[in-house]
């Protein structure tokens, strides 16, 4: 399985597990480019979101911080990092191999 598809699946599973998947959608780089969005044009994968995930990514209360940190660790474990484009979108970029912590490889090595 390609790493980008593994990323999509891993993020989707995490979102479902935490009941944050509602009001979300993934876009490939080509699909995002067709929308002519000004941000995240070089991302390998884009996620747009509203609702609960919006609160996690933009909130500041304790539960949001814990979920944000966990999400970041999962994404890093899959070999990527993310950045917000808008308050409602994030792009995923490959993590340079030297920055991938060995303890996180369990996520990237799953089939």
PDB file of N, CA and C in Angstrom:
ATOM      1  N   UNK A   1       0.846  -1.178   0.000  1.00  0.00           N
ATOM      2  CA  UNK A   1       0.000   0.000   0.000  1.00  0.00           C
ATOM      3  C   UNK A   1       0.890   1.240   0.000  1.00  0.00           C
ATOM      4  N   UNK A   2       0.539   2.214  -0.809  1.00  0.00           N
ATOM      5  CA  UNK A   2       1.320   3.447  -0.854  1.00  0.00           C
ATOM      6  C   UNK A   2       1.193   4.196   0.464  1.00  0.00           C
ATOM      7  N   UNK A   3       2.233   4.949   0.791  1.00  0.00           N
ATOM      8  CA  UNK A   3       2.247   5.646   2.077  1.00  0.00           C
ATOM      9  C   UNK A   3       1.127   6.674   2.187  1.00  0.00           C
ATOM     10  N   UNK A   4       0.756   7.306   1.078  1.00  0.00           N
ATOM     11  CA  UNK A   4      -0.309   8.312   1.152  1.00  0.00           C
ATOM     12  C   UNK A   4      -1.652   7.652   1.455  1.00  0.00           C
ATOM     13  N   UNK A   5      -1.869   6.458   0.914  1.00  0.00           N
ATOM     14  CA  UNK A   5      -3.110   5.738   1.210  1.00  0.00           C
ATOM     15  C   UNK A   5      -3.094   5.225   2.644  1.00  0.00           C
ATOM     16  N   UNK A   6      -1.932   4.816   3.121  1.00  0.00           N
ATOM     17  CA  UNK A   6      -1.788   4.403   4.518  1.00  0.00           C
ATOM     18  C   UNK A   6      -2.080   5.602   5.438  1.00  0.00           C
ATOM     19  N   UNK A   7      -1.594   6.766   5.060  1.00  0.00           N
ATOM     20  CA  UNK A   7      -1.873   7.978   5.830  1.00  0.00           C
ATOM     21  C   UNK A   7      -3.373   8.253   5.863  1.00  0.00           C
ATOM     22  N   UNK A   8      -4.006   8.227   4.708  1.00  0.00           N
ATOM     23  CA  UNK A   8      -5.447   8.497   4.634  1.00  0.00           C
ATOM     24  C   UNK A   8      -6.210   7.510   5.532  1.00  0.00           C
ATOM     25  N   UNK A   9      -5.873   6.249   5.413  1.00  0.00           N
ATOM     26  CA  UNK A   9      -6.569   5.225   6.198  1.00  0.00           C
ATOM     27  C   UNK A   9      -6.307   5.399   7.694  1.00  0.00           C
ATOM     28  N   UNK A  10      -5.047   5.659   8.060  1.00  0.00           N
ATOM     29  CA  UNK A  10      -4.715   5.838   9.470  1.00  0.00           C
ATOM     30  C   UNK A  10      -5.403   7.039  10.089  1.00  0.00           C
ATOM     31  N   UNK A  11      -5.424   8.150   9.374  1.00  0.00           N
ATOM     32  CA  UNK A  11      -6.103   9.354   9.873  1.00  0.00           C
ATOM     33  C   UNK A  11      -7.601   9.091   9.978  1.00  0.00           C
ATOM     34  N   UNK A  12      -8.168   8.469   8.949  1.00  0.00           N
ATOM     35  CA  UNK A  12      -9.606   8.147   8.980  1.00  0.00           C
ATOM     36  C   UNK A  12      -9.948   7.284  10.190  1.00  0.00           C
ATOM     37  N   UNK A  13      -9.145   6.240  10.440  1.00  0.00           N
ATOM     38  CA  UNK A  13      -9.405   5.360  11.578  1.00  0.00           C
ATOM     39  C   UNK A  13      -9.302   6.115  12.906  1.00  0.00           C
ATOM     40  N   UNK A  14      -8.329   6.996  13.018  1.00  0.00           N
ATOM     41  CA  UNK A  14      -8.183   7.781  14.245  1.00  0.00           C
ATOM     42  C   UNK A  14      -9.398   8.688  14.437  1.00  0.00           C
ATOM     43  N   UNK A  15      -9.827   9.332  13.366  1.00  0.00           N
ATOM     44  CA  UNK A  15     -10.992  10.222  13.446  1.00  0.00           C
ATOM     45  C   UNK A  15     -12.243   9.449  13.856  1.00  0.00           C
ATOM     46  N   UNK A  16     -12.450   8.295  13.256  1.00  0.00           N
ATOM     47  CA  UNK A  16     -13.616   7.468  13.596  1.00  0.00           C
ATOM     48  C   UNK A  16     -13.540   7.024  15.053  1.00  0.00           C
ATOM     49  N   UNK A  17     -12.375   6.575  15.473  1.00  0.00           N
ATOM     50  CA  UNK A  17     -12.190   6.112  16.854  1.00  0.00           C
ATOM     51  C   UNK A  17     -12.565   7.199  17.863  1.00  0.00           C
ATOM     52  N   UNK A  18     -12.225   8.435  17.553  1.00  0.00           N
ATOM     53  CA  UNK A  18     -12.494   9.553  18.468  1.00  0.00           C
ATOM     54  C   UNK A  18     -13.791  10.290  18.133  1.00  0.00           C
ATOM     55  N   UNK A  19     -14.589   9.714  17.250  1.00  0.00           N
ATOM     56  CA  UNK A  19     -15.876  10.295  16.848  1.00  0.00           C
ATOM     57  C   UNK A  19     -15.717  11.725  16.340  1.00  0.00           C
ATOM     58  N   UNK A  20     -14.689  11.931  15.515  1.00  0.00           N
ATOM     59  CA  UNK A  20     -14.394  13.247  14.951  1.00  0.00           C
ATOM     60  C   UNK A  20     -14.533  13.253  13.431  1.00  0.00           C
ATOM     61  N   UNK A  21     -15.031  12.174  12.842  1.00  0.00           N
ATOM     62  CA  UNK A  21     -15.040  12.060  11.393  1.00  0.00           C
ATOM     63  C   UNK A  21     -16.156  12.857  10.716  1.00  0.00           C
ATOM     64  N   UNK A  22     -17.198  13.199  11.418  1.00  0.00           N
ATOM     65  CA  UNK A  22     -18.295  13.951  10.798  1.00  0.00           C
ATOM     66  C   UNK A  22     -17.814  15.272  10.237  1.00  0.00           C
ATOM     67  N   UNK A  23     -18.379  15.669   9.118  1.00  0.00           N
ATOM     68  CA  UNK A  23     -18.048  16.952   8.483  1.00  0.00           C
ATOM     69  C   UNK A  23     -16.577  17.047   8.077  1.00  0.00           C
ATOM     70  N   UNK A  24     -16.014  15.956   7.571  1.00  0.00           N
ATOM     71  CA  UNK A  24     -14.634  15.964   7.085  1.00  0.00           C
ATOM     72  C   UNK A  24     -14.587  15.403   5.671  1.00  0.00           C
ATOM     73  N   UNK A  25     -13.558  15.783   4.927  1.00  0.00           N
ATOM     74  CA  UNK A  25     -13.350  15.246   3.572  1.00  0.00           C
ATOM     75  C   UNK A  25     -11.872  15.329   3.231  1.00  0.00           C
ATOM     76  N   UNK A  26     -11.385  14.297   2.546  1.00  0.00           N
ATOM     77  CA  UNK A  26     -10.015  14.269   2.061  1.00  0.00           C
ATOM     78  C   UNK A  26      -9.979  14.714   0.603  1.00  0.00           C
ATOM     79  N   UNK A  27      -8.876  15.381   0.226  1.00  0.00           N
ATOM     80  CA  UNK A  27      -8.634  15.782  -1.157  1.00  0.00           C
ATOM     81  C   UNK A  27      -7.209  15.401  -1.541  1.00  0.00           C
ATOM     82  N   UNK A  28      -7.054  14.895  -2.730  1.00  0.00           N
ATOM     83  CA  UNK A  28      -5.708  14.679  -3.266  1.00  0.00           C
ATOM     84  C   UNK A  28      -5.153  16.037  -3.673  1.00  0.00           C
ATOM     85  N   UNK A  29      -3.874  16.078  -3.962  1.00  0.00           N
ATOM     86  CA  UNK A  29      -3.258  17.331  -4.415  1.00  0.00           C
ATOM     87  C   UNK A  29      -3.949  17.842  -5.687  1.00  0.00           C
ATOM     88  N   UNK A  30      -4.257  16.930  -6.592  1.00  0.00           N
ATOM     89  CA  UNK A  30      -4.899  17.309  -7.860  1.00  0.00           C
ATOM     90  C   UNK A  30      -6.310  17.850  -7.632  1.00  0.00           C
ATOM     91  N   UNK A  31      -7.069  17.203  -6.757  1.00  0.00           N
ATOM     92  CA  UNK A  31      -8.429  17.675  -6.449  1.00  0.00           C
ATOM     93  C   UNK A  31      -8.383  19.048  -5.789  1.00  0.00           C
ATOM     94  N   UNK A  32      -7.403  19.241  -4.911  1.00  0.00           N
ATOM     95  CA  UNK A  32      -7.264  20.526  -4.218  1.00  0.00           C
ATOM     96  C   UNK A  32      -6.870  21.621  -5.207  1.00  0.00           C
ATOM     97  N   UNK A  33      -5.975  21.276  -6.102  1.00  0.00           N
ATOM     98  CA  UNK A  33      -5.547  22.235  -7.121  1.00  0.00           C
ATOM     99  C   UNK A  33      -6.731  22.676  -7.985  1.00  0.00           C
ATOM    100  N   UNK A  34      -7.614  21.753  -8.299  1.00  0.00           N
ATOM    101  CA  UNK A  34      -8.794  22.072  -9.108  1.00  0.00           C
ATOM    102  C   UNK A  34      -9.717  23.053  -8.389  1.00  0.00           C
ATOM    103  N   UNK A  35      -9.679  23.074  -7.085  1.00  0.00           N
ATOM    104  CA  UNK A  35     -10.491  24.032  -6.304  1.00  0.00           C
ATOM    105  C   UNK A  35      -9.888  25.432  -6.303  1.00  0.00           C
ATOM    106  N   UNK A  36      -8.622  25.529  -6.738  1.00  0.00           N
ATOM    107  CA  UNK A  36      -7.893  26.800  -6.786  1.00  0.00           C
ATOM    108  C   UNK A  36      -7.773  27.447  -5.398  1.00  0.00           C
ATOM    109  N   UNK A  37      -7.523  26.601  -4.420  1.00  0.00           N
ATOM    110  CA  UNK A  37      -7.323  27.096  -3.058  1.00  0.00           C
ATOM    111  C   UNK A  37      -5.927  27.714  -2.950  1.00  0.00           C
ATOM    112  N   UNK A  38      -5.782  28.812  -2.198  1.00  0.00           N
ATOM    113  CA  UNK A  38      -4.483  29.485  -2.129  1.00  0.00           C
ATOM    114  C   UNK A  38      -3.466  28.835  -1.193  1.00  0.00           C
ATOM    115  N   UNK A  39      -3.910  27.962  -0.306  1.00  0.00           N
ATOM    116  CA  UNK A  39      -3.008  27.356   0.674  1.00  0.00           C
ATOM    117  C   UNK A  39      -2.920  25.846   0.473  1.00  0.00           C
ATOM    118  N   UNK A  40      -1.840  25.273   0.932  1.00  0.00           N
ATOM    119  CA  UNK A  40      -1.621  23.821   0.970  1.00  0.00           C
ATOM    120  C   UNK A  40      -1.429  23.190  -0.403  1.00  0.00           C
ATOM    121  N   UNK A  41      -1.058  23.976  -1.394  1.00  0.00           N
ATOM    122  CA  UNK A  41      -0.936  23.483  -2.769  1.00  0.00           C
ATOM    123  C   UNK A  41       0.136  22.404  -2.923  1.00  0.00           C
ATOM    124  N   UNK A  42       1.112  22.353  -2.050  1.00  0.00           N
ATOM    125  CA  UNK A  42       2.179  21.358  -2.163  1.00  0.00           C
ATOM    126  C   UNK A  42       1.965  20.150  -1.247  1.00  0.00           C
ATOM    127  N   UNK A  43       0.828  20.089  -0.586  1.00  0.00           N
ATOM    128  CA  UNK A  43       0.527  18.973   0.315  1.00  0.00           C
ATOM    129  C   UNK A  43       0.296  17.693  -0.467  1.00  0.00           C
ATOM    130  N   UNK A  44       0.655  16.577   0.126  1.00  0.00           N
ATOM    131  CA  UNK A  44       0.378  15.280  -0.484  1.00  0.00           C
ATOM    132  C   UNK A  44      -1.083  14.887  -0.319  1.00  0.00           C
ATOM    133  N   UNK A  45      -1.703  15.361   0.758  1.00  0.00           N
ATOM    134  CA  UNK A  45      -3.089  15.054   1.062  1.00  0.00           C
ATOM    135  C   UNK A  45      -3.650  16.223   1.855  1.00  0.00           C
ATOM    136  N   UNK A  46      -4.913  16.550   1.635  1.00  0.00           N
ATOM    137  CA  UNK A  46      -5.552  17.656   2.341  1.00  0.00           C
ATOM    138  C   UNK A  46      -6.791  17.130   3.029  1.00  0.00           C
ATOM    139  N   UNK A  47      -7.024  17.594   4.239  1.00  0.00           N
ATOM    140  CA  UNK A  47      -8.219  17.251   4.990  1.00  0.00           C
ATOM    141  C   UNK A  47      -8.942  18.542   5.327  1.00  0.00           C
ATOM    142  N   UNK A  48     -10.218  18.623   4.980  1.00  0.00           N
ATOM    143  CA  UNK A  48     -11.050  19.763   5.375  1.00  0.00           C
ATOM    144  C   UNK A  48     -12.014  19.263   6.441  1.00  0.00           C
ATOM    145  N   UNK A  49     -12.406  20.162   7.341  1.00  0.00           N
ATOM    146  CA  UNK A  49     -13.183  19.719   8.492  1.00  0.00           C
ATOM    147  C   UNK A  49     -13.973  20.859   9.095  1.00  0.00           C
ATOM    148  N   UNK A  50     -15.042  20.478   9.772  1.00  0.00           N
ATOM    149  CA  UNK A  50     -15.858  21.372  10.584  1.00  0.00           C
ATOM    150  C   UNK A  50     -16.140  20.649  11.890  1.00  0.00           C
ATOM    151  N   UNK A  51     -17.089  21.116  12.636  1.00  0.00           N
ATOM    152  CA  UNK A  51     -17.572  20.400  13.813  1.00  0.00           C
ATOM    153  C   UNK A  51     -16.527  20.150  14.867  1.00  0.00           C
ATOM    154  N   UNK A  52     -16.562  18.924  15.402  1.00  0.00           N
ATOM    155  CA  UNK A  52     -15.705  18.571  16.527  1.00  0.00           C
ATOM    156  C   UNK A  52     -14.219  18.629  16.192  1.00  0.00           C
ATOM    157  N   UNK A  53     -13.833  18.184  15.001  1.00  0.00           N
ATOM    158  CA  UNK A  53     -12.416  18.257  14.634  1.00  0.00           C
ATOM    159  C   UNK A  53     -11.955  19.705  14.535  1.00  0.00           C
ATOM    160  N   UNK A  54     -12.814  20.598  14.076  1.00  0.00           N
ATOM    161  CA  UNK A  54     -12.489  22.023  14.046  1.00  0.00           C
ATOM    162  C   UNK A  54     -12.151  22.507  15.453  1.00  0.00           C
ATOM    163  N   UNK A  55     -12.956  22.095  16.432  1.00  0.00           N
ATOM    164  CA  UNK A  55     -12.701  22.510  17.818  1.00  0.00           C
ATOM    165  C   UNK A  55     -11.378  21.945  18.334  1.00  0.00           C
ATOM    166  N   UNK A  56     -11.075  20.710  17.972  1.00  0.00           N
ATOM    167  CA  UNK A  56      -9.815  20.112  18.418  1.00  0.00           C
ATOM    168  C   UNK A  56      -8.627  20.865  17.811  1.00  0.00           C
ATOM    169  N   UNK A  57      -8.684  21.141  16.513  1.00  0.00           N
ATOM    170  CA  UNK A  57      -7.548  21.776  15.834  1.00  0.00           C
ATOM    171  C   UNK A  57      -7.399  23.252  16.183  1.00  0.00           C
ATOM    172  N   UNK A  58      -8.468  23.884  16.620  1.00  0.00           N
ATOM    173  CA  UNK A  58      -8.426  25.323  16.887  1.00  0.00           C
ATOM    174  C   UNK A  58      -8.738  25.692  18.333  1.00  0.00           C
ATOM    175  N   UNK A  59      -9.112  24.716  19.137  1.00  0.00           N
ATOM    176  CA  UNK A  59      -9.491  24.988  20.520  1.00  0.00           C
ATOM    177  C   UNK A  59      -8.296  25.071  21.429  1.00  0.00           C
ATOM    178  N   UNK A  60      -8.555  25.454  22.634  1.00  0.00           N
ATOM    179  CA  UNK A  60      -7.464  25.569  23.586  1.00  0.00           C
ATOM    180  C   UNK A  60      -7.766  24.887  24.898  1.00  0.00           C
ATOM    181  N   UNK A  61      -8.901  24.180  24.994  1.00  0.00           N
ATOM    182  CA  UNK A  61      -9.184  23.535  26.267  1.00  0.00           C
ATOM    183  C   UNK A  61      -8.417  22.220  26.378  1.00  0.00           C
ATOM    184  N   UNK A  62      -8.320  21.705  27.576  1.00  0.00           N
ATOM    185  CA  UNK A  62      -7.426  20.586  27.880  1.00  0.00           C
ATOM    186  C   UNK A  62      -7.683  19.360  27.010  1.00  0.00           C
ATOM    187  N   UNK A  63      -8.936  18.983  26.816  1.00  0.00           N
ATOM    188  CA  UNK A  63      -9.239  17.796  26.007  1.00  0.00           C
ATOM    189  C   UNK A  63      -8.797  17.998  24.557  1.00  0.00           C
ATOM    190  N   UNK A  64      -8.980  19.201  24.008  1.00  0.00           N
ATOM    191  CA  UNK A  64      -8.533  19.480  22.641  1.00  0.00           C
ATOM    192  C   UNK A  64      -7.024  19.337  22.518  1.00  0.00           C
ATOM    193  N   UNK A  65      -6.306  19.821  23.499  1.00  0.00           N
ATOM    194  CA  UNK A  65      -4.844  19.753  23.472  1.00  0.00           C
ATOM    195  C   UNK A  65      -4.383  18.296  23.481  1.00  0.00           C
ATOM    196  N   UNK A  66      -5.011  17.459  24.306  1.00  0.00           N
ATOM    197  CA  UNK A  66      -4.647  16.036  24.358  1.00  0.00           C
ATOM    198  C   UNK A  66      -4.913  15.366  23.011  1.00  0.00           C
ATOM    199  N   UNK A  67      -6.078  15.612  22.421  1.00  0.00           N
ATOM    200  CA  UNK A  67      -6.409  15.006  21.133  1.00  0.00           C
ATOM    201  C   UNK A  67      -5.492  15.528  20.029  1.00  0.00           C
ATOM    202  N   UNK A  68      -5.206  16.820  20.044  1.00  0.00           N
ATOM    203  CA  UNK A  68      -4.309  17.405  19.051  1.00  0.00           C
ATOM    204  C   UNK A  68      -2.935  16.720  19.119  1.00  0.00           C
ATOM    205  N   UNK A  69      -2.409  16.599  20.334  1.00  0.00           N
ATOM    206  CA  UNK A  69      -1.089  15.968  20.520  1.00  0.00           C
ATOM    207  C   UNK A  69      -1.105  14.513  20.060  1.00  0.00           C
ATOM    208  N   UNK A  70      -2.174  13.791  20.382  1.00  0.00           N
ATOM    209  CA  UNK A  70      -2.277  12.396  19.959  1.00  0.00           C
ATOM    210  C   UNK A  70      -2.353  12.308  18.432  1.00  0.00           C
ATOM    211  N   UNK A  71      -3.146  13.179  17.828  1.00  0.00           N
ATOM    212  CA  UNK A  71      -3.266  13.205  16.369  1.00  0.00           C
ATOM    213  C   UNK A  71      -1.905  13.470  15.727  1.00  0.00           C
ATOM    214  N   UNK A  72      -1.195  14.434  16.268  1.00  0.00           N
ATOM    215  CA  UNK A  72       0.126  14.763  15.736  1.00  0.00           C
ATOM    216  C   UNK A  72       1.065  13.558  15.821  1.00  0.00           C
ATOM    217  N   UNK A  73       1.017  12.811  16.914  1.00  0.00           N
ATOM    218  CA  UNK A  73       1.872  11.630  17.067  1.00  0.00           C
ATOM    219  C   UNK A  73       1.491  10.534  16.071  1.00  0.00           C
ATOM    220  N   UNK A  74       0.204  10.348  15.847  1.00  0.00           N
ATOM    221  CA  UNK A  74      -0.241   9.348  14.873  1.00  0.00           C
ATOM    222  C   UNK A  74       0.246   9.724  13.476  1.00  0.00           C
ATOM    223  N   UNK A  75       0.059  10.980  13.112  1.00  0.00           N
ATOM    224  CA  UNK A  75       0.480  11.443  11.784  1.00  0.00           C
ATOM    225  C   UNK A  75       1.997  11.295  11.631  1.00  0.00           C
ATOM    226  N   UNK A  76       2.750  11.680  12.648  1.00  0.00           N
ATOM    227  CA  UNK A  76       4.211  11.527  12.597  1.00  0.00           C
ATOM    228  C   UNK A  76       4.595  10.053  12.489  1.00  0.00           C
ATOM    229  N   UNK A  77       3.885   9.203  13.197  1.00  0.00           N
ATOM    230  CA  UNK A  77       4.147   7.778  13.139  1.00  0.00           C
ATOM    231  C   UNK A  77       3.887   7.189  11.764  1.00  0.00           C
ATOM    232  N   UNK A  78       3.051   7.836  11.004  1.00  0.00           N
ATOM    233  CA  UNK A  78       2.766   7.417   9.630  1.00  0.00           C
ATOM    234  C   UNK A  78       3.749   8.044   8.637  1.00  0.00           C
ATOM    235  N   UNK A  79       4.709   8.826   9.166  1.00  0.00           N
ATOM    236  CA  UNK A  79       5.756   9.388   8.313  1.00  0.00           C
ATOM    237  C   UNK A  79       5.438  10.750   7.732  1.00  0.00           C
ATOM    238  N   UNK A  80       4.510  11.480   8.340  1.00  0.00           N
ATOM    239  CA  UNK A  80       4.091  12.792   7.830  1.00  0.00           C
ATOM    240  C   UNK A  80       4.015  13.804   8.966  1.00  0.00           C
ATOM    241  N   UNK A  81       3.917  15.049   8.601  1.00  0.00           N
ATOM    242  CA  UNK A  81       3.543  16.115   9.521  1.00  0.00           C
ATOM    243  C   UNK A  81       2.447  16.904   8.832  1.00  0.00           C
ATOM    244  N   UNK A  82       1.756  17.741   9.593  1.00  0.00           N
ATOM    245  CA  UNK A  82       0.662  18.516   9.002  1.00  0.00           C
ATOM    246  C   UNK A  82       0.777  19.975   9.399  1.00  0.00           C
ATOM    247  N   UNK A  83       0.126  20.798   8.607  1.00  0.00           N
ATOM    248  CA  UNK A  83      -0.003  22.212   8.947  1.00  0.00           C
ATOM    249  C   UNK A  83      -1.401  22.655   8.551  1.00  0.00           C
ATOM    250  N   UNK A  84      -1.911  23.626   9.287  1.00  0.00           N
ATOM    251  CA  UNK A  84      -3.212  24.180   8.950  1.00  0.00           C
ATOM    252  C   UNK A  84      -3.043  25.175   7.817  1.00  0.00           C
ATOM    253  N   UNK A  85      -3.988  25.152   6.883  1.00  0.00           N
ATOM    254  CA  UNK A  85      -4.005  26.132   5.805  1.00  0.00           C
ATOM    255  C   UNK A  85      -4.963  27.255   6.169  1.00  0.00           C
ATOM    256  N   UNK A  86      -6.172  26.862   6.473  1.00  0.00           N
ATOM    257  CA  UNK A  86      -7.205  27.731   7.033  1.00  0.00           C
ATOM    258  C   UNK A  86      -7.510  27.141   8.407  1.00  0.00           C
ATOM    259  N   UNK A  87      -8.436  27.735   9.113  1.00  0.00           N
ATOM    260  CA  UNK A  87      -8.860  27.138  10.383  1.00  0.00           C
ATOM    261  C   UNK A  87      -9.630  25.850  10.131  1.00  0.00           C
ATOM    262  N   UNK A  88      -9.999  25.587   8.880  1.00  0.00           N
ATOM    263  CA  UNK A  88     -10.821  24.429   8.522  1.00  0.00           C
ATOM    264  C   UNK A  88     -10.136  23.464   7.550  1.00  0.00           C
ATOM    265  N   UNK A  89      -8.840  23.598   7.353  1.00  0.00           N
ATOM    266  CA  UNK A  89      -8.139  22.701   6.438  1.00  0.00           C
ATOM    267  C   UNK A  89      -6.722  22.447   6.925  1.00  0.00           C
ATOM    268  N   UNK A  90      -6.221  21.250   6.603  1.00  0.00           N
ATOM    269  CA  UNK A  90      -4.836  20.919   6.927  1.00  0.00           C
ATOM    270  C   UNK A  90      -4.236  20.137   5.774  1.00  0.00           C
ATOM    271  N   UNK A  91      -2.945  20.330   5.596  1.00  0.00           N
ATOM    272  CA  UNK A  91      -2.221  19.600   4.569  1.00  0.00           C
ATOM    273  C   UNK A  91      -1.175  18.717   5.220  1.00  0.00           C
ATOM    274  N   UNK A  92      -0.936  17.577   4.597  1.00  0.00           N
ATOM    275  CA  UNK A  92       0.032  16.596   5.095  1.00  0.00           C
ATOM    276  C   UNK A  92       1.237  16.563   4.170  1.00  0.00           C
ATOM    277  N   UNK A  93       2.419  16.544   4.766  1.00  0.00           N
ATOM    278  CA  UNK A  93       3.689  16.551   4.041  1.00  0.00           C
ATOM    279  C   UNK A  93       4.560  15.421   4.570  1.00  0.00           C
ATOM    280  N   UNK A  94       5.385  14.818   3.714  1.00  0.00           N
ATOM    281  CA  UNK A  94       6.267  13.746   4.185  1.00  0.00           C
ATOM    282  C   UNK A  94       7.246  14.262   5.233  1.00  0.00           C
ATOM    283  N   UNK A  95       7.435  13.460   6.226  1.00  0.00           N
ATOM    284  CA  UNK A  95       8.382  13.773   7.282  1.00  0.00           C
ATOM    285  C   UNK A  95       9.748  13.262   6.858  1.00  0.00           C
ATOM    286  N   UNK A  96      10.766  14.111   6.862  1.00  0.00           N
ATOM    287  CA  UNK A  96      12.102  13.617   6.510  1.00  0.00           C
ATOM    288  C   UNK A  96      12.472  12.426   7.393  1.00  0.00           C
ATOM    289  N   UNK A  97      13.060  11.415   6.817  1.00  0.00           N
ATOM    290  CA  UNK A  97      13.360  10.166   7.530  1.00  0.00           C
ATOM    291  C   UNK A  97      14.138  10.409   8.819  1.00  0.00           C
ATOM    292  N   UNK A  98      15.015  11.357   8.829  1.00  0.00           N
ATOM    293  CA  UNK A  98      15.824  11.578  10.031  1.00  0.00           C
ATOM    294  C   UNK A  98      14.994  12.099  11.203  1.00  0.00           C
ATOM    295  N   UNK A  99      13.796  12.638  10.920  1.00  0.00           N
ATOM    296  CA  UNK A  99      12.953  13.167  11.981  1.00  0.00           C
ATOM    297  C   UNK A  99      11.925  12.151  12.475  1.00  0.00           C
ATOM    298  N   UNK A 100      11.849  10.987  11.845  1.00  0.00           N
ATOM    299  CA  UNK A 100      10.879   9.978  12.245  1.00  0.00           C
ATOM    300  C   UNK A 100      11.409   9.216  13.453  1.00  0.00           C
ATOM    301  N   UNK A 101      10.800   9.406  14.579  1.00  0.00           N
ATOM    302  CA  UNK A 101      11.236   8.795  15.828  1.00  0.00           C
ATOM    303  C   UNK A 101      11.011   7.284  15.762  1.00  0.00           C
ATOM    304  N   UNK A 102      12.007   6.482  16.140  1.00  0.00           N
ATOM    305  CA  UNK A 102      11.896   5.020  16.028  1.00  0.00           C
ATOM    306  C   UNK A 102      10.704   4.441  16.780  1.00  0.00           C
ATOM    307  N   UNK A 103      10.314   5.031  17.910  1.00  0.00           N
ATOM    308  CA  UNK A 103       9.184   4.521  18.679  1.00  0.00           C
ATOM    309  C   UNK A 103       7.857   4.696  17.952  1.00  0.00           C
ATOM    310  N   UNK A 104       7.819   5.549  16.937  1.00  0.00           N
ATOM    311  CA  UNK A 104       6.579   5.800  16.211  1.00  0.00           C
ATOM    312  C   UNK A 104       6.453   4.939  14.968  1.00  0.00           C
ATOM    313  N   UNK A 105       7.455   4.212  14.608  1.00  0.00           N
ATOM    314  CA  UNK A 105       7.435   3.416  13.372  1.00  0.00           C
ATOM    315  C   UNK A 105       6.339   2.359  13.371  1.00  0.00           C
ATOM    316  N   UNK A 106       5.809   2.006  14.513  1.00  0.00           N
ATOM    317  CA  UNK A 106       4.756   1.004  14.552  1.00  0.00           C
ATOM    318  C   UNK A 106       3.591   1.392  13.648  1.00  0.00           C
ATOM    319  N   UNK A 107       3.261   2.675  13.587  1.00  0.00           N
ATOM    320  CA  UNK A 107       2.156   3.113  12.737  1.00  0.00           C
ATOM    321  C   UNK A 107       2.522   2.991  11.260  1.00  0.00           C
ATOM    322  N   UNK A 108       3.705   3.394  10.881  1.00  0.00           N
ATOM    323  CA  UNK A 108       4.088   3.388   9.474  1.00  0.00           C
ATOM    324  C   UNK A 108       4.336   1.983   8.953  1.00  0.00           C
ATOM    325  N   UNK A 109       4.566   1.016   9.837  1.00  0.00           N
ATOM    326  CA  UNK A 109       4.844  -0.340   9.387  1.00  0.00           C
ATOM    327  C   UNK A 109       3.618  -1.222   9.337  1.00  0.00           C
ATOM    328  N   UNK A 110       2.469  -0.705   9.732  1.00  0.00           N
ATOM    329  CA  UNK A 110       1.240  -1.516   9.666  1.00  0.00           C
ATOM    330  C   UNK A 110       0.839  -1.701   8.218  1.00  0.00           C
ATOM    331  N   UNK A 111       0.284  -2.881   7.902  1.00  0.00           N
ATOM    332  CA  UNK A 111      -0.135  -3.128   6.512  1.00  0.00           C
ATOM    333  C   UNK A 111      -1.320  -2.265   6.111  1.00  0.00           C
TER     334      UNK A 111
END
